[in-house]
């Protein structure tokens, strides 16, 4: 298998700033590659404060 074979089955999903990729509790069924920009994972506390756990 070569890169072109992999690219043939990729599905591009552009995200806008602050758009959610997954919501908490949602089951992830895909593999994501970040082509440009960054993505963060975070939890929201009971008082609605966001705590960043990772930045990719």
C-alpha atoms as a PDB file:
ATOM      1  CA  UNK A   1       0.000   0.000   0.000  1.00  0.00           C
ATOM      2  CA  UNK A   2       1.349   3.418  -0.943  1.00  0.00           C
ATOM      3  CA  UNK A   3       0.387   6.957   0.051  1.00  0.00           C
ATOM      4  CA  UNK A   4      -1.889   7.372  -2.974  1.00  0.00           C
ATOM      5  CA  UNK A   5      -3.873   4.295  -1.884  1.00  0.00           C
ATOM      6  CA  UNK A   6      -4.377   5.809   1.565  1.00  0.00           C
ATOM      7  CA  UNK A   7      -5.303   9.215   0.132  1.00  0.00           C
ATOM      8  CA  UNK A   8      -7.951   7.555  -2.032  1.00  0.00           C
ATOM      9  CA  UNK A   9      -9.936   6.506   1.044  1.00  0.00           C
ATOM     10  CA  UNK A  10      -9.432   9.661   3.123  1.00  0.00           C
ATOM     11  CA  UNK A  11     -12.372  11.932   3.759  1.00  0.00           C
ATOM     12  CA  UNK A  12     -11.539  15.586   4.379  1.00  0.00           C
ATOM     13  CA  UNK A  13     -13.470  17.306   7.136  1.00  0.00           C
ATOM     14  CA  UNK A  14     -12.580  20.982   7.449  1.00  0.00           C
ATOM     15  CA  UNK A  15     -13.479  22.495  10.819  1.00  0.00           C
ATOM     16  CA  UNK A  16     -14.129  26.115  11.648  1.00  0.00           C
ATOM     17  CA  UNK A  17     -12.600  27.694  14.731  1.00  0.00           C
ATOM     18  CA  UNK A  18     -14.436  26.551  17.902  1.00  0.00           C
ATOM     19  CA  UNK A  19     -16.347  23.844  15.978  1.00  0.00           C
ATOM     20  CA  UNK A  20     -16.560  20.530  17.859  1.00  0.00           C
ATOM     21  CA  UNK A  21     -15.127  17.378  16.358  1.00  0.00           C
ATOM     22  CA  UNK A  22     -16.632  15.128  19.057  1.00  0.00           C
ATOM     23  CA  UNK A  23     -18.789  15.796  22.093  1.00  0.00           C
ATOM     24  CA  UNK A  24     -18.098  14.296  25.505  1.00  0.00           C
ATOM     25  CA  UNK A  25     -19.429  10.749  25.668  1.00  0.00           C
ATOM     26  CA  UNK A  26     -19.544  10.357  21.884  1.00  0.00           C
ATOM     27  CA  UNK A  27     -17.800   7.223  20.561  1.00  0.00           C
ATOM     28  CA  UNK A  28     -15.034   7.965  18.071  1.00  0.00           C
ATOM     29  CA  UNK A  29     -15.198   5.712  15.003  1.00  0.00           C
ATOM     30  CA  UNK A  30     -12.560   7.449  12.879  1.00  0.00           C
ATOM     31  CA  UNK A  31      -8.896   8.394  12.781  1.00  0.00           C
ATOM     32  CA  UNK A  32      -8.216  12.093  12.351  1.00  0.00           C
ATOM     33  CA  UNK A  33      -5.163  13.808  10.897  1.00  0.00           C
ATOM     34  CA  UNK A  34      -4.570  17.503  11.474  1.00  0.00           C
ATOM     35  CA  UNK A  35      -3.365  19.057   8.236  1.00  0.00           C
ATOM     36  CA  UNK A  36      -3.208  22.645   9.478  1.00  0.00           C
ATOM     37  CA  UNK A  37      -3.952  24.393  12.765  1.00  0.00           C
ATOM     38  CA  UNK A  38      -4.470  22.795  16.168  1.00  0.00           C
ATOM     39  CA  UNK A  39      -7.078  20.905  18.162  1.00  0.00           C
ATOM     40  CA  UNK A  40      -7.603  20.879  21.914  1.00  0.00           C
ATOM     41  CA  UNK A  41      -9.331  18.446  24.216  1.00  0.00           C
ATOM     42  CA  UNK A  42     -10.999  19.821  27.287  1.00  0.00           C
ATOM     43  CA  UNK A  43     -13.485  19.133  30.058  1.00  0.00           C
ATOM     44  CA  UNK A  44     -16.093  21.557  31.350  1.00  0.00           C
ATOM     45  CA  UNK A  45     -16.531  21.780  35.122  1.00  0.00           C
ATOM     46  CA  UNK A  46     -19.851  21.978  36.936  1.00  0.00           C
ATOM     47  CA  UNK A  47     -19.472  25.778  37.058  1.00  0.00           C
ATOM     48  CA  UNK A  48     -19.013  25.883  33.234  1.00  0.00           C
ATOM     49  CA  UNK A  49     -15.263  26.538  33.283  1.00  0.00           C
ATOM     50  CA  UNK A  50     -13.242  24.799  30.533  1.00  0.00           C
ATOM     51  CA  UNK A  51     -10.064  22.928  31.488  1.00  0.00           C
ATOM     52  CA  UNK A  52      -7.774  22.063  28.575  1.00  0.00           C
ATOM     53  CA  UNK A  53      -6.330  18.554  28.881  1.00  0.00           C
ATOM     54  CA  UNK A  54      -4.322  18.352  25.624  1.00  0.00           C
ATOM     55  CA  UNK A  55      -3.436  20.439  22.584  1.00  0.00           C
ATOM     56  CA  UNK A  56      -2.540  18.735  19.298  1.00  0.00           C
END
